[in-house]
N, C-alpha and C. Protein backbone atom coordinates (compact mmCIF):
# COMPACT_ATOMS: atom_id res chain seq x y z
N UNK A 1 87.57 89.26 88.74
CA UNK A 1 87.21 89.18 87.14
C UNK A 1 85.70 90.00 87.12
N UNK A 2 85.41 90.48 85.97
CA UNK A 2 84.74 91.30 85.67
C UNK A 2 83.08 90.75 85.81
N UNK A 3 82.30 91.30 86.81
CA UNK A 3 80.61 90.71 86.89
C UNK A 3 80.29 90.34 85.37
N UNK A 4 80.36 91.09 84.58
CA UNK A 4 79.70 90.95 83.23
C UNK A 4 79.90 89.30 82.97
N UNK A 5 81.51 89.26 83.27
CA UNK A 5 81.88 88.05 82.81
C UNK A 5 81.37 86.68 83.24
N UNK A 6 81.35 86.88 84.69
CA UNK A 6 80.72 85.98 85.54
C UNK A 6 79.32 85.42 84.97
N UNK A 7 78.89 86.57 85.14
CA UNK A 7 77.19 86.34 84.71
C UNK A 7 77.02 85.83 83.28
N UNK A 8 77.82 86.09 82.71
CA UNK A 8 77.68 85.60 81.27
C UNK A 8 77.85 84.04 81.10
N UNK A 9 79.30 83.87 82.28
CA UNK A 9 79.52 82.18 82.26
C UNK A 9 78.41 81.23 83.06
N UNK A 10 77.59 81.84 83.70
CA UNK A 10 76.76 81.40 84.49
C UNK A 10 75.35 81.24 83.67
N UNK A 11 75.04 82.27 82.91
CA UNK A 11 73.92 82.11 81.89
C UNK A 11 74.48 81.06 80.98
N UNK A 12 75.45 81.12 80.35
CA UNK A 12 75.92 79.73 79.55
C UNK A 12 75.74 78.48 80.12
N UNK A 13 76.13 78.28 81.40
CA UNK A 13 75.82 77.18 82.39
C UNK A 13 74.48 76.78 82.04
N UNK A 14 73.49 77.83 82.62
CA UNK A 14 71.99 77.45 82.90
C UNK A 14 71.38 77.18 81.25
N UNK A 15 72.14 77.67 80.31
CA UNK A 15 71.45 77.23 78.92
C UNK A 15 71.49 75.99 78.73
N UNK A 16 72.58 75.16 79.29
CA UNK A 16 72.71 73.80 78.77
C UNK A 16 71.53 72.81 79.46
N UNK A 17 71.25 73.44 80.74
CA UNK A 17 70.06 72.70 81.29
C UNK A 17 68.89 73.29 80.70
N UNK A 18 68.19 74.34 80.43
CA UNK A 18 67.24 74.87 79.84
C UNK A 18 66.87 74.56 78.35
N UNK A 19 65.68 73.81 78.20
CA UNK A 19 65.92 73.29 76.60
C UNK A 19 64.63 74.77 75.93
N UNK A 20 64.56 75.58 76.75
CA UNK A 20 63.76 76.59 76.43
C UNK A 20 63.62 78.21 76.98
N UNK A 21 63.55 78.94 76.17
CA UNK A 21 63.84 80.13 77.08
C UNK A 21 62.49 81.00 77.57
N UNK A 22 61.52 80.04 78.05
CA UNK A 22 60.35 80.59 78.19
C UNK A 22 60.49 81.34 79.81
N UNK A 23 61.50 80.71 80.48
CA UNK A 23 61.59 81.55 81.39
C UNK A 23 62.97 81.84 82.14
N UNK A 24 63.51 82.75 81.23
CA UNK A 24 64.76 83.50 81.32
C UNK A 24 65.41 84.20 82.57
N UNK A 25 66.56 83.99 83.06
CA UNK A 25 66.96 84.71 84.33
C UNK A 25 67.73 86.07 83.91
N UNK A 26 67.23 87.07 84.38
CA UNK A 26 67.70 88.25 84.19
C UNK A 26 69.35 88.62 85.06
N UNK A 27 70.06 89.24 84.39
CA UNK A 27 71.46 89.57 84.88
C UNK A 27 71.18 89.94 86.48
N UNK A 28 70.21 90.96 87.02
CA UNK A 28 69.99 90.74 88.58
C UNK A 28 69.76 89.52 89.48
N UNK A 29 68.86 88.76 88.58
CA UNK A 29 68.48 87.36 89.26
C UNK A 29 69.69 86.46 89.47
N UNK A 30 70.71 86.54 88.25
CA UNK A 30 71.70 86.01 88.21
C UNK A 30 72.62 86.05 89.33
N UNK A 31 72.90 87.74 89.57
CA UNK A 31 73.71 88.45 90.25
C UNK A 31 73.27 88.06 92.11
N UNK A 32 71.78 87.80 92.25
CA UNK A 32 71.26 87.54 93.82
C UNK A 32 71.73 85.82 93.60
N UNK A 33 71.75 85.31 93.18
CA UNK A 33 72.15 83.53 92.90
C UNK A 33 73.70 83.65 93.25
N UNK A 34 74.44 84.34 92.82
CA UNK A 34 75.64 84.48 93.02
C UNK A 34 76.31 85.05 94.19
N UNK A 35 75.52 86.12 94.90
CA UNK A 35 75.93 86.50 96.03
C UNK A 35 75.21 85.54 97.15
N UNK A 36 74.50 84.80 96.99
CA UNK A 36 73.90 83.97 98.03
C UNK A 36 74.91 82.77 98.02
N UNK A 37 75.06 82.41 97.23
CA UNK A 37 75.83 81.27 97.06
C UNK A 37 77.43 81.84 97.61
N UNK A 38 77.89 82.77 97.48
CA UNK A 38 79.18 83.51 98.04
C UNK A 38 79.16 83.64 99.35
N UNK A 39 77.99 84.24 99.75
CA UNK A 39 77.93 84.31 101.16
C UNK A 39 77.81 83.06 101.78
N UNK A 40 77.19 81.85 101.72
CA UNK A 40 77.07 80.69 101.84
C UNK A 40 78.81 80.02 102.31
N UNK A 41 79.17 80.28 101.30
CA UNK A 41 80.58 79.80 101.30
C UNK A 41 81.72 80.69 102.47
N UNK A 42 81.40 81.78 102.15
CA UNK A 42 82.08 82.45 103.19
C UNK A 42 81.94 82.15 104.58
N UNK A 43 80.62 82.48 104.80
CA UNK A 43 80.16 81.72 106.34
C UNK A 43 80.79 80.66 106.66
N UNK A 44 80.67 79.43 105.66
CA UNK A 44 81.24 78.14 105.70
C UNK A 44 82.82 78.01 106.18
N UNK A 45 83.39 79.01 105.53
CA UNK A 45 84.79 78.96 105.84
C UNK A 45 85.00 79.53 106.94
N UNK A 46 84.52 80.68 107.36
CA UNK A 46 84.63 81.24 108.51
C UNK A 46 84.40 80.45 109.83
N UNK A 47 83.28 79.70 109.64
CA UNK A 47 82.55 78.70 111.00
C UNK A 47 84.10 77.24 111.14
N UNK A 48 84.57 77.48 109.93
CA UNK A 48 85.81 76.65 110.11
C UNK A 48 87.14 76.97 110.48
N UNK A 49 86.94 77.68 110.54
CA UNK A 49 88.52 79.21 110.66
C UNK A 49 89.37 79.11 109.90
N UNK A 50 89.07 79.05 108.69
CA UNK A 50 89.75 79.32 107.31
C UNK A 50 90.12 80.80 107.20
N UNK A 51 91.40 80.95 106.82
CA UNK A 51 91.29 82.78 106.27
C UNK A 51 90.78 82.82 105.05
N UNK A 52 90.25 84.05 105.16
CA UNK A 52 89.18 84.38 103.66
C UNK A 52 90.29 84.92 102.84
N UNK A 53 90.15 85.12 101.49
CA UNK A 53 90.74 85.30 100.28
C UNK A 53 90.54 86.90 100.65
N UNK A 54 92.01 87.53 100.19
CA UNK A 54 91.62 89.32 100.17
C UNK A 54 91.06 89.69 99.14
N UNK A 55 90.58 88.58 98.25
CA UNK A 55 90.24 89.01 97.08
C UNK A 55 88.72 89.24 97.33
N UNK A 56 88.18 88.87 98.36
CA UNK A 56 86.74 89.15 98.96
C UNK A 56 86.43 90.08 99.61
N UNK A 57 87.43 91.28 99.51
CA UNK A 57 87.38 92.29 100.81
C UNK A 57 87.07 93.18 99.76
N UNK A 58 86.46 94.30 100.49
CA UNK A 58 85.57 95.57 99.70
C UNK A 58 86.17 96.64 100.76
N UNK A 59 86.31 97.99 100.04
CA UNK A 59 86.76 99.13 101.17
C UNK A 59 85.65 100.26 100.44
N UNK A 60 85.29 101.03 101.77
CA UNK A 60 84.71 102.48 101.54
C UNK A 60 85.13 103.34 102.54
N UNK A 61 85.26 104.47 101.99
CA UNK A 61 85.63 105.86 103.01
C UNK A 61 84.64 106.34 103.10
N UNK A 62 84.26 106.74 104.03
CA UNK A 62 82.58 107.49 104.20
C UNK A 62 82.93 108.52 105.39
N UNK A 63 82.16 109.62 105.20
CA UNK A 63 81.91 110.83 106.02
C UNK A 63 81.31 110.56 107.09
N UNK A 64 82.23 111.51 108.42
CA UNK A 64 81.57 111.33 109.44
C UNK A 64 80.74 112.68 109.97
N UNK A 65 79.93 112.65 110.86
CA UNK A 65 79.18 113.58 111.56
C UNK A 65 79.16 113.49 112.79
N UNK A 66 78.78 114.24 113.40
CA UNK A 66 78.66 114.37 114.78
C UNK A 66 77.30 113.40 115.53
N UNK A 67 77.24 113.27 116.53
CA UNK A 67 76.02 112.10 117.11
C UNK A 67 76.21 111.64 118.30
N UNK A 68 76.44 112.92 119.19
CA UNK A 68 76.65 113.20 120.76
C UNK A 68 74.91 112.73 121.24
N UNK A 69 73.67 112.87 120.49
CA UNK A 69 72.67 112.57 120.79
C UNK A 69 72.00 111.66 119.80
N UNK A 70 70.83 111.26 120.46
CA UNK A 70 69.69 110.40 119.72
C UNK A 70 70.43 108.68 118.93
N UNK A 71 71.45 108.50 120.43
CA UNK A 71 72.00 107.19 119.94
C UNK A 71 71.25 106.13 121.21
N UNK A 72 70.11 106.62 121.84
CA UNK A 72 69.79 105.86 123.04
C UNK A 72 70.12 105.90 124.03
N UNK A 73 70.92 106.77 124.18
CA UNK A 73 71.43 107.11 125.92
C UNK A 73 71.92 108.42 125.82
N UNK A 74 72.13 109.00 127.10
CA UNK A 74 72.96 110.23 127.07
C UNK A 74 74.42 110.32 127.37
N UNK A 75 74.91 110.86 126.68
CA UNK A 75 76.64 110.76 126.90
C UNK A 75 77.18 112.07 126.95
N UNK A 76 78.47 112.25 127.69
CA UNK A 76 79.23 113.54 127.58
C UNK A 76 80.12 113.40 126.92
N UNK A 77 80.54 112.32 126.33
CA UNK A 77 81.45 111.89 125.36
C UNK A 77 81.55 112.06 123.73
N UNK A 78 82.27 112.49 123.33
CA UNK A 78 82.33 112.75 121.86
C UNK A 78 82.12 111.37 121.18
N UNK A 79 81.08 111.83 120.32
CA UNK A 79 80.79 110.71 119.38
C UNK A 79 80.60 110.97 118.18
N UNK A 80 81.21 110.31 116.78
CA UNK A 80 80.89 110.39 116.01
C UNK A 80 80.37 109.42 115.08
N UNK A 81 79.35 109.86 113.72
CA UNK A 81 78.86 108.39 113.45
C UNK A 81 79.16 108.65 111.77
N UNK A 82 78.86 107.51 111.13
CA UNK A 82 78.90 107.72 109.56
C UNK A 82 77.34 108.55 109.24
N UNK A 83 77.58 109.22 107.89
CA UNK A 83 76.89 109.98 107.59
C UNK A 83 75.60 109.28 107.09
N UNK A 84 75.91 108.36 106.22
CA UNK A 84 75.07 107.25 105.39
C UNK A 84 75.45 105.81 106.09
N UNK A 85 74.16 104.99 106.05
CA UNK A 85 74.56 103.43 106.58
C UNK A 85 75.17 102.59 105.49
N UNK A 86 75.93 101.61 106.20
CA UNK A 86 77.04 100.98 105.28
C UNK A 86 76.02 99.46 105.25
N UNK A 87 76.57 99.03 103.56
CA UNK A 87 75.78 97.73 103.51
C UNK A 87 76.26 96.79 104.43
N UNK A 88 75.56 95.85 104.61
CA UNK A 88 75.55 95.05 105.42
C UNK A 88 76.55 93.52 105.29
N UNK A 89 77.39 93.30 106.08
CA UNK A 89 78.42 92.85 106.27
C UNK A 89 78.12 91.29 106.42
N UNK A 90 78.61 90.54 105.73
CA UNK A 90 78.45 89.23 106.02
C UNK A 90 78.51 89.01 107.77
N UNK A 91 77.69 88.17 108.45
CA UNK A 91 77.88 87.87 109.59
C UNK A 91 78.42 86.57 109.81
N UNK A 92 79.13 86.46 110.97
CA UNK A 92 79.82 85.49 111.52
C UNK A 92 79.13 84.56 112.68
N UNK A 93 80.01 84.16 113.08
CA UNK A 93 79.06 83.17 114.57
C UNK A 93 79.24 84.52 115.52
N UNK A 94 80.04 85.19 115.61
CA UNK A 94 80.19 85.75 116.98
C UNK A 94 80.17 87.56 116.84
N UNK A 95 80.38 87.83 115.25
CA UNK A 95 80.89 89.15 114.74
C UNK A 95 80.41 89.23 113.35
N UNK A 96 80.04 90.55 112.82
CA UNK A 96 79.95 90.78 111.52
C UNK A 96 81.62 90.78 110.92
N UNK A 97 81.67 90.48 109.74
CA UNK A 97 82.96 90.65 109.02
C UNK A 97 83.26 91.81 108.91
N UNK A 98 83.83 92.46 109.78
CA UNK A 98 84.71 93.70 109.01
C UNK A 98 85.98 93.68 109.43
N UNK A 99 87.02 93.56 109.02
CA UNK A 99 88.49 93.55 109.10
C UNK A 99 89.12 94.54 109.31
N UNK A 100 88.70 96.07 109.33
CA UNK A 100 89.30 97.25 109.76
C UNK A 100 88.19 98.41 109.54
N UNK A 101 88.33 98.87 110.74
CA UNK A 101 87.58 100.54 110.57
C UNK A 101 88.69 101.12 111.59
N UNK A 102 88.71 102.40 110.63
CA UNK A 102 89.86 103.36 111.18
C UNK A 102 90.16 104.58 110.10
N UNK A 103 91.16 105.20 110.50
CA UNK A 103 91.77 106.16 109.55
C UNK A 103 91.50 105.81 108.39
N UNK A 104 91.33 106.65 107.42
CA UNK A 104 91.64 106.30 105.94
C UNK A 104 93.00 105.98 105.30
N UNK A 105 93.75 106.26 106.08
CA UNK A 105 95.46 106.20 105.61
C UNK A 105 95.89 104.70 106.18
N UNK A 106 94.90 104.05 106.83
CA UNK A 106 95.35 102.66 106.83
C UNK A 106 96.38 102.64 108.61
N UNK A 107 96.63 103.90 108.88
CA UNK A 107 97.66 103.66 110.22
C UNK A 107 97.11 104.04 111.45
N UNK A 108 95.83 103.64 111.97
CA UNK A 108 95.49 103.44 112.98
C UNK A 108 94.10 102.67 113.13
N UNK A 109 94.06 101.54 113.25
CA UNK A 109 93.06 100.65 113.36
C UNK A 109 92.35 100.86 114.83
N UNK A 110 90.88 101.08 114.75
CA UNK A 110 90.01 101.37 115.73
C UNK A 110 89.69 100.34 116.74
N UNK A 111 89.54 99.89 117.80
CA UNK A 111 88.92 99.00 118.69
C UNK A 111 87.40 98.71 118.47
N UNK A 112 86.84 97.77 118.41
CA UNK A 112 85.85 97.54 118.41
C UNK A 112 84.98 97.41 119.89
N UNK A 113 84.11 98.00 120.23
CA UNK A 113 83.44 97.96 121.11
C UNK A 113 81.87 97.31 121.40
N UNK A 114 81.59 96.62 122.34
CA UNK A 114 80.61 95.93 122.21
C UNK A 114 79.35 96.79 123.02
N UNK A 115 78.16 96.67 122.60
CA UNK A 115 77.19 97.90 123.07
C UNK A 115 77.10 97.57 124.59
N UNK A 116 77.09 96.20 125.04
CA UNK A 116 76.85 95.98 126.36
C UNK A 116 77.81 96.58 127.32
N UNK A 117 79.46 97.04 126.96
CA UNK A 117 80.00 97.87 127.61
C UNK A 117 80.08 99.30 127.20
N UNK A 118 79.28 99.20 126.18
CA UNK A 118 79.84 100.92 125.60
C UNK A 118 79.43 101.94 127.04
N UNK A 119 78.47 101.88 127.85
CA UNK A 119 78.14 102.90 128.78
C UNK A 119 79.11 102.97 129.89
N UNK A 120 79.68 101.85 130.31
CA UNK A 120 80.86 101.74 131.19
C UNK A 120 82.05 102.04 130.48
N UNK A 121 82.43 102.42 129.59
CA UNK A 121 83.83 102.92 129.02
C UNK A 121 83.90 104.09 129.08
N UNK A 122 84.53 105.09 129.73
CA UNK A 122 84.20 106.28 129.98
C UNK A 122 85.48 107.24 129.65
N UNK A 123 85.73 108.42 129.57
CA UNK A 123 87.07 108.97 128.79
C UNK A 123 88.12 108.71 130.07
N UNK A 124 89.04 108.48 130.13
CA UNK A 124 90.17 108.29 130.97
C UNK A 124 91.57 108.98 129.98
N UNK A 125 92.47 109.32 130.58
CA UNK A 125 93.72 109.81 130.09
C UNK A 125 94.29 108.48 129.16
N UNK A 126 94.16 107.24 129.85
CA UNK A 126 94.52 106.13 128.97
C UNK A 126 93.40 105.73 127.63
N UNK A 127 92.18 105.89 127.96
CA UNK A 127 91.22 105.56 127.17
C UNK A 127 91.10 106.42 125.75
N UNK A 128 91.36 107.49 126.15
CA UNK A 128 91.03 108.82 125.09
C UNK A 128 92.27 108.77 124.37
N UNK A 129 93.26 107.98 124.37
CA UNK A 129 94.02 107.45 123.24
C UNK A 129 93.74 106.96 122.29
N UNK A 130 92.76 106.12 122.65
CA UNK A 130 92.43 104.96 121.51
C UNK A 130 90.93 104.85 120.85
N UNK A 131 90.71 105.33 120.19
CA UNK A 131 89.17 105.66 119.69
C UNK A 131 88.62 103.90 119.38
N UNK A 132 87.56 103.90 120.09
CA UNK A 132 86.43 102.47 119.96
C UNK A 132 85.31 103.24 118.73
N UNK A 133 85.03 102.04 118.17
CA UNK A 133 83.67 102.23 117.22
C UNK A 133 82.94 100.78 117.80
N UNK A 134 81.58 101.27 117.38
CA UNK A 134 80.47 100.35 117.20
C UNK A 134 79.49 99.96 116.24
N UNK A 135 78.75 99.35 115.95
CA UNK A 135 78.00 99.36 115.01
C UNK A 135 76.21 99.31 115.71
N UNK A 136 75.67 100.41 115.23
CA UNK A 136 74.33 100.48 115.26
C UNK A 136 73.13 100.65 114.26
N UNK A 137 72.34 100.00 113.80
CA UNK A 137 71.49 99.98 113.16
C UNK A 137 72.05 100.54 111.61
N UNK A 138 72.89 99.89 111.04
CA UNK A 138 73.97 100.24 109.89
C UNK A 138 74.72 101.30 109.74
N UNK A 139 74.53 101.77 110.83
CA UNK A 139 75.65 103.17 111.17
C UNK A 139 77.10 102.69 112.07
N UNK A 140 78.18 103.36 111.62
CA UNK A 140 79.32 102.76 112.59
C UNK A 140 79.60 104.20 113.30
N UNK A 141 79.82 104.28 114.27
CA UNK A 141 79.66 105.36 115.39
C UNK A 141 81.18 105.05 116.06
N UNK A 142 81.63 106.08 116.05
CA UNK A 142 83.15 106.53 116.88
C UNK A 142 83.17 107.08 118.09
N UNK A 143 83.51 106.38 119.29
CA UNK A 143 83.80 106.94 120.53
C UNK A 143 85.39 107.30 120.68
N UNK A 144 85.46 108.21 121.20
CA UNK A 144 86.93 108.94 121.51
C UNK A 144 87.56 109.01 120.20
N UNK A 145 87.00 110.05 119.20
CA UNK A 145 87.99 110.03 118.03
C UNK A 145 89.26 110.63 118.22
N UNK A 146 90.04 110.23 117.37
CA UNK A 146 91.24 110.42 117.53
C UNK A 146 91.56 112.56 117.55
N UNK A 147 90.62 112.92 116.80
CA UNK A 147 90.76 114.64 116.95
C UNK A 147 89.31 114.93 116.72
N UNK A 148 89.00 116.42 116.98
CA UNK A 148 88.08 116.69 116.78
C UNK A 148 87.56 117.12 115.39
N UNK A 149 88.51 116.99 114.47
CA UNK A 149 88.43 117.37 113.31
C UNK A 149 88.40 116.04 111.97
N UNK A 150 88.20 114.91 112.76
CA UNK A 150 88.09 113.75 112.07
C UNK A 150 87.30 113.77 110.92
N UNK A 151 87.47 113.70 109.54
CA UNK A 151 86.21 113.68 108.87
C UNK A 151 85.63 112.59 108.29
N UNK A 152 86.29 111.82 108.29
CA UNK A 152 86.38 110.18 107.38
C UNK A 152 86.68 109.08 108.21
N UNK A 153 86.28 107.98 107.71
CA UNK A 153 86.48 106.43 108.52
C UNK A 153 86.58 105.40 107.42
N UNK A 154 87.62 104.76 107.25
CA UNK A 154 87.87 103.61 106.14
C UNK A 154 87.21 102.27 106.80
N UNK A 155 86.29 101.87 106.28
CA UNK A 155 85.86 100.46 106.55
C UNK A 155 86.02 99.55 105.71
N UNK A 156 86.42 98.59 106.21
CA UNK A 156 86.99 97.13 105.12
C UNK A 156 86.32 96.02 105.64
N UNK A 157 86.08 94.97 105.00
CA UNK A 157 85.26 94.00 105.19
C UNK A 157 84.44 93.16 104.06
N UNK A 158 83.82 92.41 104.39
CA UNK A 158 83.33 91.15 103.35
C UNK A 158 81.62 91.66 103.57
N UNK A 159 81.08 91.92 102.42
CA UNK A 159 79.52 92.41 102.35
C UNK A 159 78.73 91.68 101.54
N UNK A 160 77.48 91.06 102.06
CA UNK A 160 76.55 90.56 101.24
C UNK A 160 76.44 90.90 99.94
N UNK A 161 76.00 92.12 99.98
CA UNK A 161 75.64 92.73 98.66
C UNK A 161 76.80 93.35 97.97
N UNK A 162 77.57 92.98 97.30
CA UNK A 162 78.95 93.54 96.87
C UNK A 162 78.86 94.63 96.01
N UNK A 163 77.40 94.68 94.98
CA UNK A 163 77.33 95.71 94.06
C UNK A 163 76.98 96.72 95.13
N UNK A 164 76.47 96.67 96.13
CA UNK A 164 75.87 98.25 97.13
C UNK A 164 77.27 98.89 97.39
N UNK A 165 78.37 98.10 97.75
CA UNK A 165 79.73 98.80 98.15
C UNK A 165 80.34 99.76 96.88
N UNK A 166 80.19 98.64 95.84
CA UNK A 166 81.02 99.09 94.51
C UNK A 166 80.22 100.56 94.24
N UNK A 167 78.56 100.33 94.24
CA UNK A 167 78.03 101.65 93.69
C UNK A 167 78.25 102.58 95.00
N UNK A 168 78.47 102.60 96.43
CA UNK A 168 79.00 103.78 97.24
C UNK A 168 80.40 104.33 96.95
N UNK A 169 81.26 103.59 96.59
CA UNK A 169 82.43 103.74 96.34
C UNK A 169 82.74 104.24 94.82
N UNK A 170 81.71 104.02 94.39
CA UNK A 170 81.53 105.14 92.69
C UNK A 170 82.32 104.39 91.65
N UNK A 171 82.16 102.95 92.15
CA UNK A 171 82.82 102.05 90.72
C UNK A 171 81.79 101.69 89.71
N UNK A 172 80.38 101.73 90.09
CA UNK A 172 79.36 101.71 89.31
C UNK A 172 78.34 102.62 89.51
N UNK A 173 77.62 103.17 88.44
CA UNK A 173 76.18 104.23 88.52
C UNK A 173 75.53 102.93 89.16
N UNK A 174 74.32 103.57 89.64
CA UNK A 174 73.04 103.01 90.73
C UNK A 174 72.38 102.17 89.49
N UNK A 175 72.46 100.56 89.79
CA UNK A 175 71.54 99.78 88.86
C UNK A 175 71.90 99.79 88.29
N UNK A 176 73.03 100.09 87.04
CA UNK A 176 73.67 100.07 85.89
C UNK A 176 74.64 99.69 85.76
N UNK A 177 75.01 98.69 84.44
CA UNK A 177 76.60 98.27 84.19
C UNK A 177 76.95 97.42 85.03
N UNK A 178 77.28 96.18 84.47
CA UNK A 178 78.27 95.02 85.36
C UNK A 178 79.56 95.13 85.29
N UNK A 179 80.49 96.08 84.37
CA UNK A 179 81.60 96.38 84.23
C UNK A 179 82.46 96.37 85.56
N UNK A 180 82.18 95.87 86.22
CA UNK A 180 83.37 96.05 87.43
C UNK A 180 83.60 94.73 88.21
N UNK A 181 84.91 94.59 88.69
CA UNK A 181 85.58 93.56 89.35
C UNK A 181 84.36 93.14 90.43
N UNK A 182 84.11 92.18 90.42
CA UNK A 182 83.11 91.17 91.44
C UNK A 182 84.26 90.69 92.38
N UNK A 183 84.20 90.96 94.01
CA UNK A 183 85.01 90.45 95.07
C UNK A 183 85.02 88.98 95.12
N UNK A 184 85.77 88.12 94.67
CA UNK A 184 85.45 86.54 94.46
C UNK A 184 86.84 86.16 94.11
N UNK A 185 87.53 84.50 94.93
CA UNK A 185 88.61 84.51 94.24
C UNK A 185 87.88 83.64 93.21
N UNK A 186 89.32 82.75 92.28
CA UNK A 186 88.82 81.86 91.36
C UNK A 186 88.38 80.70 91.85
N UNK A 187 88.77 80.02 93.27
CA UNK A 187 88.83 79.21 93.52
C UNK A 187 87.10 79.10 94.23
N UNK A 188 86.65 80.20 94.58
CA UNK A 188 85.29 80.41 95.25
C UNK A 188 84.37 80.28 93.94
N UNK A 189 84.75 80.95 93.08
CA UNK A 189 83.80 81.06 91.80
C UNK A 189 83.94 79.78 91.17
N UNK A 190 85.31 79.10 91.19
CA UNK A 190 84.75 77.53 90.42
C UNK A 190 83.85 76.70 91.25
N UNK A 191 84.06 76.72 92.71
CA UNK A 191 82.82 76.11 93.62
C UNK A 191 81.68 76.74 93.44
N UNK A 192 81.05 77.53 93.29
CA UNK A 192 79.86 78.25 92.91
C UNK A 192 79.39 77.55 91.54
N UNK A 193 80.44 77.62 90.73
CA UNK A 193 80.10 76.84 89.43
C UNK A 193 79.74 75.49 89.39
N UNK A 194 80.46 74.98 90.04
CA UNK A 194 80.52 73.55 90.40
C UNK A 194 78.67 73.37 90.92
N UNK A 195 78.57 73.91 92.00
CA UNK A 195 77.21 73.84 92.87
C UNK A 195 76.34 74.22 92.13
N UNK A 196 75.95 75.28 91.43
CA UNK A 196 75.16 75.75 90.33
C UNK A 196 74.74 74.37 89.48
N UNK A 197 76.18 73.45 89.23
CA UNK A 197 75.65 72.70 87.82
C UNK A 197 75.21 71.46 88.30
N UNK A 198 75.80 71.04 89.73
CA UNK A 198 75.16 69.75 90.38
C UNK A 198 74.09 69.94 90.93
N UNK A 199 73.49 70.95 91.42
CA UNK A 199 72.31 71.18 92.21
C UNK A 199 71.37 72.31 91.47
N UNK A 200 71.67 73.41 91.64
CA UNK A 200 70.63 74.49 91.22
C UNK A 200 69.90 74.39 89.57
N UNK A 201 70.92 74.16 88.84
CA UNK A 201 70.22 73.97 87.49
C UNK A 201 69.82 72.78 86.91
N UNK A 202 70.65 71.78 87.69
CA UNK A 202 70.47 70.57 87.26
C UNK A 202 68.99 69.75 87.46
N UNK A 203 68.56 70.48 89.04
CA UNK A 203 67.33 69.75 89.38
C UNK A 203 66.02 70.91 89.31
N UNK A 204 66.30 71.91 88.92
CA UNK A 204 65.41 73.18 88.49
C UNK A 204 64.76 72.78 87.11
N UNK A 205 65.93 72.36 85.92
CA UNK A 205 65.42 72.27 84.74
C UNK A 205 65.28 70.49 84.55
N UNK A 206 65.28 69.64 85.50
CA UNK A 206 64.59 68.23 85.28
C UNK A 206 63.51 67.98 85.52
N UNK A 207 62.84 69.11 86.13
CA UNK A 207 61.32 68.98 86.13
C UNK A 207 60.71 69.33 85.37
N UNK A 208 59.77 68.63 84.72
CA UNK A 208 58.93 68.65 83.02
C UNK A 208 58.15 69.82 83.64
N UNK A 209 57.89 70.66 82.46
CA UNK A 209 56.96 71.94 82.52
C UNK A 209 55.64 71.51 82.31
N UNK A 210 54.67 72.10 83.52
CA UNK A 210 53.32 71.50 83.65
C UNK A 210 52.78 72.14 82.43
N UNK A 211 52.15 71.65 81.66
CA UNK A 211 51.21 71.97 80.15
C UNK A 211 49.79 72.09 80.63
N UNK A 212 49.57 71.56 81.62
CA UNK A 212 47.83 71.39 81.84
C UNK A 212 46.90 72.54 81.86
N UNK A 213 47.90 73.68 82.24
CA UNK A 213 47.06 75.13 82.52
C UNK A 213 47.27 75.92 81.52
N UNK A 214 48.20 75.65 80.40
CA UNK A 214 48.49 76.76 79.62
C UNK A 214 48.24 76.91 78.09
N UNK A 215 47.15 75.71 78.09
CA UNK A 215 46.50 75.96 76.65
C UNK A 215 47.15 75.12 75.51
N UNK A 216 48.52 74.60 76.25
CA UNK A 216 49.13 74.16 74.38
C UNK A 216 48.78 72.91 74.49
N UNK A 217 47.77 72.14 75.01
CA UNK A 217 47.35 70.74 74.79
C UNK A 217 45.96 70.64 74.09
N UNK A 218 45.49 71.92 74.17
CA UNK A 218 44.13 71.79 74.30
C UNK A 218 44.08 71.87 72.11
């Protein structure tokens, strides 16, 4: 669903609980609230072992560059990294929720390598055939890349701020426009609408406005 339609729906819901427009929410504030509840529900599903809807996934194809130095330790192995930082993926109990890191044609998913074993994994005839990747300071690093000439990596996952991914993917201009498909399932959106109706908006606007210091009673 287009983000603009989701925001309109939430703004309409909010208007039912607000008796004035003295404290309106901007579209970007609504997007912040939407992202917060979306991340909360995704983490909840992950902790309960529920499969996530494919509607939540986003993809980024990113350029790679050499990164044999400046990674915190010396290595003779060839290492590549993304030229730019990736948006923050949603954090699970054991790992971040990146479902695919590999070739841009989906033909080769690379194995994730944890930082603790990074130094101990050295090039061998066997290991050299299987690229490994690890994340460090918001960059994706690739150890044992399949070829020396590989230029791009495809990253697929669930991210905390989908608008940043959409921006990098060229689907929206920076901080302008809400006419792009927000990654959410209909069931999750319905749950968020219900949560906002039963808690966020209901209790926020049930609190009487404080006129004591605004001069309205003078």
